[in-house]
Amino acid sequence: DIDQWPFPEAGHTLQLPLMGNVMQ
């Protein structure tokens, strides 16, 4: 899941999948 996380960008909302959840 973490391998799918995008590179962080300042001022942007990221969608982070983790174990059946999506962290915004």
mmCIF file of all heavy atoms, coordinates in Angstrom:
data_MODEL
# 
_entry.id   MODEL 
# 
loop_
_atom_site.group_PDB 
_atom_site.id 
_atom_site.type_symbol 
_atom_site.label_atom_id 
_atom_site.label_alt_id 
_atom_site.label_comp_id 
_atom_site.label_asym_id 
_atom_site.label_entity_id 
_atom_site.label_seq_id 
_atom_site.pdbx_PDB_ins_code 
_atom_site.Cartn_x 
_atom_site.Cartn_y 
_atom_site.Cartn_z 
_atom_site.occupancy 
_atom_site.B_iso_or_equiv 
_atom_site.pdbx_formal_charge 
_atom_site.auth_seq_id 
_atom_site.auth_comp_id 
_atom_site.auth_asym_id 
_atom_site.auth_atom_id 
_atom_site.pdbx_PDB_model_num 
ATOM 1   N N   . ASP A 1 1  ? 0.833   -1.215 0.000  1.00 0.00 ? 1  ASP A N   1 
ATOM 2   C CA  . ASP A 1 1  ? 0.000   0.000  0.000  1.00 0.00 ? 1  ASP A CA  1 
ATOM 3   C C   . ASP A 1 1  ? 0.864   1.260  0.000  1.00 0.00 ? 1  ASP A C   1 
ATOM 4   O O   . ASP A 1 1  ? 0.625   2.196  -0.774 1.00 0.00 ? 1  ASP A O   1 
ATOM 5   C CB  . ASP A 1 1  ? -0.928  0.007  1.221  1.00 0.00 ? 1  ASP A CB  1 
ATOM 6   C CG  . ASP A 1 1  ? -2.057  -1.014 1.109  1.00 0.00 ? 1  ASP A CG  1 
ATOM 7   O OD1 . ASP A 1 1  ? -2.282  -1.508 -0.015 1.00 0.00 ? 1  ASP A OD1 1 
ATOM 8   O OD2 . ASP A 1 1  ? -2.701  -1.299 2.131  1.00 0.00 ? 1  ASP A OD2 1 
ATOM 9   N N   . ILE A 1 2  ? 1.868   1.284  0.884  1.00 0.00 ? 2  ILE A N   1 
ATOM 10  C CA  . ILE A 1 2  ? 2.713   2.479  0.996  1.00 0.00 ? 2  ILE A CA  1 
ATOM 11  C C   . ILE A 1 2  ? 3.495   2.716  -0.290 1.00 0.00 ? 2  ILE A C   1 
ATOM 12  O O   . ILE A 1 2  ? 3.779   3.852  -0.655 1.00 0.00 ? 2  ILE A O   1 
ATOM 13  C CB  . ILE A 1 2  ? 3.645   2.356  2.226  1.00 0.00 ? 2  ILE A CB  1 
ATOM 14  C CG1 . ILE A 1 2  ? 2.818   2.408  3.523  1.00 0.00 ? 2  ILE A CG1 1 
ATOM 15  C CG2 . ILE A 1 2  ? 4.705   3.462  2.246  1.00 0.00 ? 2  ILE A CG2 1 
ATOM 16  C CD1 . ILE A 1 2  ? 3.605   2.245  4.790  1.00 0.00 ? 2  ILE A CD1 1 
ATOM 17  N N   . ASP A 1 3  ? 3.821   1.630  -0.995 1.00 0.00 ? 3  ASP A N   1 
ATOM 18  C CA  . ASP A 1 3  ? 4.530   1.755  -2.260 1.00 0.00 ? 3  ASP A CA  1 
ATOM 19  C C   . ASP A 1 3  ? 3.712   2.498  -3.312 1.00 0.00 ? 3  ASP A C   1 
ATOM 20  O O   . ASP A 1 3  ? 4.263   3.011  -4.291 1.00 0.00 ? 3  ASP A O   1 
ATOM 21  C CB  . ASP A 1 3  ? 4.902   0.359  -2.783 1.00 0.00 ? 3  ASP A CB  1 
ATOM 22  C CG  . ASP A 1 3  ? 5.961   0.415  -3.864 1.00 0.00 ? 3  ASP A CG  1 
ATOM 23  O OD1 . ASP A 1 3  ? 6.904   1.217  -3.718 1.00 0.00 ? 3  ASP A OD1 1 
ATOM 24  O OD2 . ASP A 1 3  ? 5.841   -0.312 -4.859 1.00 0.00 ? 3  ASP A OD2 1 
ATOM 25  N N   . GLN A 1 4  ? 2.381   2.550  -3.106 1.00 0.00 ? 4  GLN A N   1 
ATOM 26  C CA  . GLN A 1 4  ? 1.505   3.250  -4.050 1.00 0.00 ? 4  GLN A CA  1 
ATOM 27  C C   . GLN A 1 4  ? 1.357   4.739  -3.713 1.00 0.00 ? 4  GLN A C   1 
ATOM 28  O O   . GLN A 1 4  ? 0.766   5.490  -4.481 1.00 0.00 ? 4  GLN A O   1 
ATOM 29  C CB  . GLN A 1 4  ? 0.089   2.617  -4.036 1.00 0.00 ? 4  GLN A CB  1 
ATOM 30  C CG  . GLN A 1 4  ? 0.051   1.101  -4.174 1.00 0.00 ? 4  GLN A CG  1 
ATOM 31  C CD  . GLN A 1 4  ? 0.741   0.625  -5.432 1.00 0.00 ? 4  GLN A CD  1 
ATOM 32  O OE1 . GLN A 1 4  ? 0.481   1.138  -6.515 1.00 0.00 ? 4  GLN A OE1 1 
ATOM 33  N NE2 . GLN A 1 4  ? 1.638   -0.355 -5.278 1.00 0.00 ? 4  GLN A NE2 1 
ATOM 34  N N   . TRP A 1 5  ? 1.887   5.150  -2.574 1.00 0.00 ? 5  TRP A N   1 
ATOM 35  C CA  . TRP A 1 5  ? 1.703   6.540  -2.160 1.00 0.00 ? 5  TRP A CA  1 
ATOM 36  C C   . TRP A 1 5  ? 2.441   7.487  -3.109 1.00 0.00 ? 5  TRP A C   1 
ATOM 37  O O   . TRP A 1 5  ? 3.577   7.213  -3.512 1.00 0.00 ? 5  TRP A O   1 
ATOM 38  C CB  . TRP A 1 5  ? 2.233   6.754  -0.742 1.00 0.00 ? 5  TRP A CB  1 
ATOM 39  C CG  . TRP A 1 5  ? 1.398   6.102  0.324  1.00 0.00 ? 5  TRP A CG  1 
ATOM 40  C CD1 . TRP A 1 5  ? 0.362   5.255  0.148  1.00 0.00 ? 5  TRP A CD1 1 
ATOM 41  C CD2 . TRP A 1 5  ? 1.568   6.254  1.737  1.00 0.00 ? 5  TRP A CD2 1 
ATOM 42  N NE1 . TRP A 1 5  ? -0.145  4.845  1.359  1.00 0.00 ? 5  TRP A NE1 1 
ATOM 43  C CE2 . TRP A 1 5  ? 0.579   5.453  2.353  1.00 0.00 ? 5  TRP A CE2 1 
ATOM 44  C CE3 . TRP A 1 5  ? 2.441   6.981  2.537  1.00 0.00 ? 5  TRP A CE3 1 
ATOM 45  C CZ2 . TRP A 1 5  ? 0.456   5.368  3.739  1.00 0.00 ? 5  TRP A CZ2 1 
ATOM 46  C CZ3 . TRP A 1 5  ? 2.316   6.897  3.910  1.00 0.00 ? 5  TRP A CZ3 1 
ATOM 47  C CH2 . TRP A 1 5  ? 1.331   6.094  4.504  1.00 0.00 ? 5  TRP A CH2 1 
ATOM 48  N N   . PRO A 1 6  ? 1.819   8.611  -3.454 1.00 0.00 ? 6  PRO A N   1 
ATOM 49  C CA  . PRO A 1 6  ? 2.491   9.580  -4.333 1.00 0.00 ? 6  PRO A CA  1 
ATOM 50  C C   . PRO A 1 6  ? 3.556   10.359 -3.569 1.00 0.00 ? 6  PRO A C   1 
ATOM 51  O O   . PRO A 1 6  ? 3.558   10.395 -2.337 1.00 0.00 ? 6  PRO A O   1 
ATOM 52  C CB  . PRO A 1 6  ? 1.348   10.506 -4.762 1.00 0.00 ? 6  PRO A CB  1 
ATOM 53  C CG  . PRO A 1 6  ? 0.379   10.445 -3.621 1.00 0.00 ? 6  PRO A CG  1 
ATOM 54  C CD  . PRO A 1 6  ? 0.463   9.051  -3.078 1.00 0.00 ? 6  PRO A CD  1 
ATOM 55  N N   . PHE A 1 7  ? 4.448   11.003 -4.322 1.00 0.00 ? 7  PHE A N   1 
ATOM 56  C CA  . PHE A 1 7  ? 5.449   11.867 -3.688 1.00 0.00 ? 7  PHE A CA  1 
ATOM 57  C C   . PHE A 1 7  ? 4.731   13.084 -3.119 1.00 0.00 ? 7  PHE A C   1 
ATOM 58  O O   . PHE A 1 7  ? 3.864   13.657 -3.770 1.00 0.00 ? 7  PHE A O   1 
ATOM 59  C CB  . PHE A 1 7  ? 6.486   12.310 -4.721 1.00 0.00 ? 7  PHE A CB  1 
ATOM 60  C CG  . PHE A 1 7  ? 7.697   12.954 -4.103 1.00 0.00 ? 7  PHE A CG  1 
ATOM 61  C CD1 . PHE A 1 7  ? 8.722   12.179 -3.588 1.00 0.00 ? 7  PHE A CD1 1 
ATOM 62  C CD2 . PHE A 1 7  ? 7.807   14.335 -4.021 1.00 0.00 ? 7  PHE A CD2 1 
ATOM 63  C CE1 . PHE A 1 7  ? 9.841   12.773 -3.014 1.00 0.00 ? 7  PHE A CE1 1 
ATOM 64  C CE2 . PHE A 1 7  ? 8.921   14.928 -3.445 1.00 0.00 ? 7  PHE A CE2 1 
ATOM 65  C CZ  . PHE A 1 7  ? 9.936   14.132 -2.939 1.00 0.00 ? 7  PHE A CZ  1 
ATOM 66  N N   . PRO A 1 8  ? 5.045   13.502 -1.881 1.00 0.00 ? 8  PRO A N   1 
ATOM 67  C CA  . PRO A 1 8  ? 4.309   14.618 -1.273 1.00 0.00 ? 8  PRO A CA  1 
ATOM 68  C C   . PRO A 1 8  ? 4.523   15.935 -2.009 1.00 0.00 ? 8  PRO A C   1 
ATOM 69  O O   . PRO A 1 8  ? 5.631   16.214 -2.487 1.00 0.00 ? 8  PRO A O   1 
ATOM 70  C CB  . PRO A 1 8  ? 4.885   14.690 0.143  1.00 0.00 ? 8  PRO A CB  1 
ATOM 71  C CG  . PRO A 1 8  ? 6.206   14.014 0.066  1.00 0.00 ? 8  PRO A CG  1 
ATOM 72  C CD  . PRO A 1 8  ? 6.072   12.966 -0.980 1.00 0.00 ? 8  PRO A CD  1 
ATOM 73  N N   . GLU A 1 9  ? 3.461   16.727 -2.092 1.00 0.00 ? 9  GLU A N   1 
ATOM 74  C CA  . GLU A 1 9  ? 3.539   18.058 -2.701 1.00 0.00 ? 9  GLU A CA  1 
ATOM 75  C C   . GLU A 1 9  ? 2.933   19.062 -1.736 1.00 0.00 ? 9  GLU A C   1 
ATOM 76  O O   . GLU A 1 9  ? 1.822   18.877 -1.240 1.00 0.00 ? 9  GLU A O   1 
ATOM 77  C CB  . GLU A 1 9  ? 2.772   18.097 -4.020 1.00 0.00 ? 9  GLU A CB  1 
ATOM 78  C CG  . GLU A 1 9  ? 3.399   17.300 -5.146 1.00 0.00 ? 9  GLU A CG  1 
ATOM 79  C CD  . GLU A 1 9  ? 2.610   17.461 -6.432 1.00 0.00 ? 9  GLU A CD  1 
ATOM 80  O OE1 . GLU A 1 9  ? 2.782   18.501 -7.106 1.00 0.00 ? 9  GLU A OE1 1 
ATOM 81  O OE2 . GLU A 1 9  ? 1.803   16.577 -6.759 1.00 0.00 ? 9  GLU A OE2 1 
ATOM 82  N N   . ALA A 1 10 ? 3.670   20.130 -1.469 1.00 0.00 ? 10 ALA A N   1 
ATOM 83  C CA  . ALA A 1 10 ? 3.184   21.161 -0.549 1.00 0.00 ? 10 ALA A CA  1 
ATOM 84  C C   . ALA A 1 10 ? 1.929   21.810 -1.100 1.00 0.00 ? 10 ALA A C   1 
ATOM 85  O O   . ALA A 1 10 ? 1.851   22.141 -2.283 1.00 0.00 ? 10 ALA A O   1 
ATOM 86  C CB  . ALA A 1 10 ? 4.261   22.214 -0.333 1.00 0.00 ? 10 ALA A CB  1 
ATOM 87  N N   . GLY A 1 11 ? 0.935   21.979 -0.224 1.00 0.00 ? 11 GLY A N   1 
ATOM 88  C CA  . GLY A 1 11 ? -0.305  22.635 -0.621 1.00 0.00 ? 11 GLY A CA  1 
ATOM 89  C C   . GLY A 1 11 ? -1.279  21.736 -1.353 1.00 0.00 ? 11 GLY A C   1 
ATOM 90  O O   . GLY A 1 11 ? -2.318  22.202 -1.808 1.00 0.00 ? 11 GLY A O   1 
ATOM 91  N N   . HIS A 1 12 ? -0.962  20.443 -1.481 1.00 0.00 ? 12 HIS A N   1 
ATOM 92  C CA  . HIS A 1 12 ? -1.838  19.507 -2.186 1.00 0.00 ? 12 HIS A CA  1 
ATOM 93  C C   . HIS A 1 12 ? -2.376  18.456 -1.218 1.00 0.00 ? 12 HIS A C   1 
ATOM 94  O O   . HIS A 1 12 ? -1.711  18.073 -0.260 1.00 0.00 ? 12 HIS A O   1 
ATOM 95  C CB  . HIS A 1 12 ? -1.094  18.797 -3.315 1.00 0.00 ? 12 HIS A CB  1 
ATOM 96  C CG  . HIS A 1 12 ? -0.766  19.688 -4.476 1.00 0.00 ? 12 HIS A CG  1 
ATOM 97  N ND1 . HIS A 1 12 ? 0.224   20.635 -4.422 1.00 0.00 ? 12 HIS A ND1 1 
ATOM 98  C CD2 . HIS A 1 12 ? -1.312  19.770 -5.713 1.00 0.00 ? 12 HIS A CD2 1 
ATOM 99  C CE1 . HIS A 1 12 ? 0.294   21.276 -5.577 1.00 0.00 ? 12 HIS A CE1 1 
ATOM 100 N NE2 . HIS A 1 12 ? -0.626  20.775 -6.375 1.00 0.00 ? 12 HIS A NE2 1 
ATOM 101 N N   . THR A 1 13 ? -3.573  17.995 -1.475 1.00 0.00 ? 13 THR A N   1 
ATOM 102 C CA  . THR A 1 13 ? -4.164  16.913 -0.689 1.00 0.00 ? 13 THR A CA  1 
ATOM 103 C C   . THR A 1 13 ? -3.801  15.584 -1.336 1.00 0.00 ? 13 THR A C   1 
ATOM 104 O O   . THR A 1 13 ? -4.019  15.379 -2.532 1.00 0.00 ? 13 THR A O   1 
ATOM 105 C CB  . THR A 1 13 ? -5.692  17.045 -0.616 1.00 0.00 ? 13 THR A CB  1 
ATOM 106 O OG1 . THR A 1 13 ? -6.004  18.296 0.019  1.00 0.00 ? 13 THR A OG1 1 
ATOM 107 C CG2 . THR A 1 13 ? -6.294  15.919 0.208  1.00 0.00 ? 13 THR A CG2 1 
ATOM 108 N N   . LEU A 1 14 ? -3.229  14.686 -0.539 1.00 0.00 ? 14 LEU A N   1 
ATOM 109 C CA  . LEU A 1 14 ? -2.782  13.387 -1.038 1.00 0.00 ? 14 LEU A CA  1 
ATOM 110 C C   . LEU A 1 14 ? -3.766  12.301 -0.615 1.00 0.00 ? 14 LEU A C   1 
ATOM 111 O O   . LEU A 1 14 ? -4.332  12.353 0.476  1.00 0.00 ? 14 LEU A O   1 
ATOM 112 C CB  . LEU A 1 14 ? -1.394  13.053 -0.489 1.00 0.00 ? 14 LEU A CB  1 
ATOM 113 C CG  . LEU A 1 14 ? -0.315  14.129 -0.624 1.00 0.00 ? 14 LEU A CG  1 
ATOM 114 C CD1 . LEU A 1 14 ? 0.967   13.675 0.058  1.00 0.00 ? 14 LEU A CD1 1 
ATOM 115 C CD2 . LEU A 1 14 ? -0.054  14.431 -2.089 1.00 0.00 ? 14 LEU A CD2 1 
ATOM 116 N N   . GLN A 1 15 ? -3.965  11.323 -1.470 1.00 0.00 ? 15 GLN A N   1 
ATOM 117 C CA  . GLN A 1 15 ? -4.801  10.159 -1.165 1.00 0.00 ? 15 GLN A CA  1 
ATOM 118 C C   . GLN A 1 15 ? -3.862  8.992  -0.865 1.00 0.00 ? 15 GLN A C   1 
ATOM 119 O O   . GLN A 1 15 ? -3.164  8.512  -1.760 1.00 0.00 ? 15 GLN A O   1 
ATOM 120 C CB  . GLN A 1 15 ? -5.712  9.822  -2.352 1.00 0.00 ? 15 GLN A CB  1 
ATOM 121 C CG  . GLN A 1 15 ? -6.554  10.985 -2.855 1.00 0.00 ? 15 GLN A CG  1 
ATOM 122 C CD  . GLN A 1 15 ? -7.649  11.371 -1.874 1.00 0.00 ? 15 GLN A CD  1 
ATOM 123 O OE1 . GLN A 1 15 ? -8.153  10.538 -1.116 1.00 0.00 ? 15 GLN A OE1 1 
ATOM 124 N NE2 . GLN A 1 15 ? -8.027  12.638 -1.893 1.00 0.00 ? 15 GLN A NE2 1 
ATOM 125 N N   . LEU A 1 16 ? -3.837  8.544  0.383  1.00 0.00 ? 16 LEU A N   1 
ATOM 126 C CA  . LEU A 1 16 ? -2.896  7.505  0.802  1.00 0.00 ? 16 LEU A CA  1 
ATOM 127 C C   . LEU A 1 16 ? -3.647  6.238  1.202  1.00 0.00 ? 16 LEU A C   1 
ATOM 128 O O   . LEU A 1 16 ? -4.239  6.173  2.277  1.00 0.00 ? 16 LEU A O   1 
ATOM 129 C CB  . LEU A 1 16 ? -2.052  8.001  1.983  1.00 0.00 ? 16 LEU A CB  1 
ATOM 130 C CG  . LEU A 1 16 ? -1.381  9.376  1.829  1.00 0.00 ? 16 LEU A CG  1 
ATOM 131 C CD1 . LEU A 1 16 ? -0.595  9.720  3.088  1.00 0.00 ? 16 LEU A CD1 1 
ATOM 132 C CD2 . LEU A 1 16 ? -0.472  9.409  0.618  1.00 0.00 ? 16 LEU A CD2 1 
ATOM 133 N N   . PRO A 1 17 ? -3.651  5.205  0.354  1.00 0.00 ? 17 PRO A N   1 
ATOM 134 C CA  . PRO A 1 17 ? -4.333  3.960  0.715  1.00 0.00 ? 17 PRO A CA  1 
ATOM 135 C C   . PRO A 1 17 ? -3.550  3.196  1.776  1.00 0.00 ? 17 PRO A C   1 
ATOM 136 O O   . PRO A 1 17 ? -2.319  3.129  1.733  1.00 0.00 ? 17 PRO A O   1 
ATOM 137 C CB  . PRO A 1 17 ? -4.350  3.183  -0.607 1.00 0.00 ? 17 PRO A CB  1 
ATOM 138 C CG  . PRO A 1 17 ? -3.164  3.686  -1.360 1.00 0.00 ? 17 PRO A CG  1 
ATOM 139 C CD  . PRO A 1 17 ? -3.007  5.122  -0.974 1.00 0.00 ? 17 PRO A CD  1 
ATOM 140 N N   . LEU A 1 18 ? -4.248  2.627  2.748  1.00 0.00 ? 18 LEU A N   1 
ATOM 141 C CA  . LEU A 1 18 ? -3.587  1.832  3.783  1.00 0.00 ? 18 LEU A CA  1 
ATOM 142 C C   . LEU A 1 18 ? -4.579  0.871  4.410  1.00 0.00 ? 18 LEU A C   1 
ATOM 143 O O   . LEU A 1 18 ? -5.513  1.288  5.111  1.00 0.00 ? 18 LEU A O   1 
ATOM 144 C CB  . LEU A 1 18 ? -2.974  2.731  4.863  1.00 0.00 ? 18 LEU A CB  1 
ATOM 145 C CG  . LEU A 1 18 ? -2.095  2.006  5.891  1.00 0.00 ? 18 LEU A CG  1 
ATOM 146 C CD1 . LEU A 1 18 ? -0.830  1.478  5.218  1.00 0.00 ? 18 LEU A CD1 1 
ATOM 147 C CD2 . LEU A 1 18 ? -1.713  2.923  7.039  1.00 0.00 ? 18 LEU A CD2 1 
ATOM 148 N N   . MET A 1 19 ? -4.425  -0.402 4.132  1.00 0.00 ? 19 MET A N   1 
ATOM 149 C CA  . MET A 1 19 ? -5.188  -1.484 4.768  1.00 0.00 ? 19 MET A CA  1 
ATOM 150 C C   . MET A 1 19 ? -6.691  -1.251 4.714  1.00 0.00 ? 19 MET A C   1 
ATOM 151 O O   . MET A 1 19 ? -7.388  -1.289 5.733  1.00 0.00 ? 19 MET A O   1 
ATOM 152 C CB  . MET A 1 19 ? -4.728  -1.679 6.212  1.00 0.00 ? 19 MET A CB  1 
ATOM 153 C CG  . MET A 1 19 ? -3.234  -1.939 6.336  1.00 0.00 ? 19 MET A CG  1 
ATOM 154 S SD  . MET A 1 19 ? -2.725  -2.315 7.998  1.00 0.00 ? 19 MET A SD  1 
ATOM 155 C CE  . MET A 1 19 ? -3.371  -3.985 8.151  1.00 0.00 ? 19 MET A CE  1 
ATOM 156 N N   . GLY A 1 20 ? -7.193  -0.973 3.522  1.00 0.00 ? 20 GLY A N   1 
ATOM 157 C CA  . GLY A 1 20 ? -8.631  -0.799 3.356  1.00 0.00 ? 20 GLY A CA  1 
ATOM 158 C C   . GLY A 1 20 ? -9.138  0.579  3.711  1.00 0.00 ? 20 GLY A C   1 
ATOM 159 O O   . GLY A 1 20 ? -10.342 0.822  3.692  1.00 0.00 ? 20 GLY A O   1 
ATOM 160 N N   . ASN A 1 21 ? -8.253  1.490  4.051  1.00 0.00 ? 21 ASN A N   1 
ATOM 161 C CA  . ASN A 1 21 ? -8.623  2.878  4.339  1.00 0.00 ? 21 ASN A CA  1 
ATOM 162 C C   . ASN A 1 21 ? -7.953  3.785  3.319  1.00 0.00 ? 21 ASN A C   1 
ATOM 163 O O   . ASN A 1 21 ? -6.977  3.400  2.668  1.00 0.00 ? 21 ASN A O   1 
ATOM 164 C CB  . ASN A 1 21 ? -8.159  3.287  5.742  1.00 0.00 ? 21 ASN A CB  1 
ATOM 165 C CG  . ASN A 1 21 ? -8.749  2.412  6.819  1.00 0.00 ? 21 ASN A CG  1 
ATOM 166 O OD1 . ASN A 1 21 ? -9.893  2.574  7.200  1.00 0.00 ? 21 ASN A OD1 1 
ATOM 167 N ND2 . ASN A 1 21 ? -7.965  1.460  7.302  1.00 0.00 ? 21 ASN A ND2 1 
ATOM 168 N N   . VAL A 1 22 ? -8.474  4.983  3.180  1.00 0.00 ? 22 VAL A N   1 
ATOM 169 C CA  . VAL A 1 22 ? -7.821  6.005  2.375  1.00 0.00 ? 22 VAL A CA  1 
ATOM 170 C C   . VAL A 1 22 ? -7.566  7.206  3.276  1.00 0.00 ? 22 VAL A C   1 
ATOM 171 O O   . VAL A 1 22 ? -8.502  7.801  3.812  1.00 0.00 ? 22 VAL A O   1 
ATOM 172 C CB  . VAL A 1 22 ? -8.683  6.433  1.164  1.00 0.00 ? 22 VAL A CB  1 
ATOM 173 C CG1 . VAL A 1 22 ? -7.978  7.560  0.404  1.00 0.00 ? 22 VAL A CG1 1 
ATOM 174 C CG2 . VAL A 1 22 ? -8.940  5.253  0.244  1.00 0.00 ? 22 VAL A CG2 1 
ATOM 175 N N   . MET A 1 23 ? -6.283  7.530  3.463  1.00 0.00 ? 23 MET A N   1 
ATOM 176 C CA  . MET A 1 23 ? -5.921  8.672  4.307  1.00 0.00 ? 23 MET A CA  1 
ATOM 177 C C   . MET A 1 23 ? -5.815  9.901  3.417  1.00 0.00 ? 23 MET A C   1 
ATOM 178 O O   . MET A 1 23 ? -5.069  9.901  2.434  1.00 0.00 ? 23 MET A O   1 
ATOM 179 C CB  . MET A 1 23 ? -4.597  8.407  5.010  1.00 0.00 ? 23 MET A CB  1 
ATOM 180 C CG  . MET A 1 23 ? -4.576  7.103  5.775  1.00 0.00 ? 23 MET A CG  1 
ATOM 181 S SD  . MET A 1 23 ? -2.999  6.805  6.605  1.00 0.00 ? 23 MET A SD  1 
ATOM 182 C CE  . MET A 1 23 ? -3.108  7.975  7.930  1.00 0.00 ? 23 MET A CE  1 
ATOM 183 N N   . GLN A 1 24 ? -6.570  10.932 3.750  1.00 0.00 ? 24 GLN A N   1 
ATOM 184 C CA  . GLN A 1 24 ? -6.528  12.187 2.999  1.00 0.00 ? 24 GLN A CA  1 
ATOM 185 C C   . GLN A 1 24 ? -5.652  13.173 3.778  1.00 0.00 ? 24 GLN A C   1 
ATOM 186 O O   . GLN A 1 24 ? -6.023  13.599 4.865  1.00 0.00 ? 24 GLN A O   1 
ATOM 187 C CB  . GLN A 1 24 ? -7.933  12.751 2.810  1.00 0.00 ? 24 GLN A CB  1 
ATOM 188 C CG  . GLN A 1 24 ? -8.826  11.863 1.950  1.00 0.00 ? 24 GLN A CG  1 
ATOM 189 C CD  . GLN A 1 24 ? -10.223 12.423 1.806  1.00 0.00 ? 24 GLN A CD  1 
ATOM 190 O OE1 . GLN A 1 24 ? -10.616 13.317 2.539  1.00 0.00 ? 24 GLN A OE1 1 
ATOM 191 N NE2 . GLN A 1 24 ? -10.970 11.883 0.864  1.00 0.00 ? 24 GLN A NE2 1 
# 
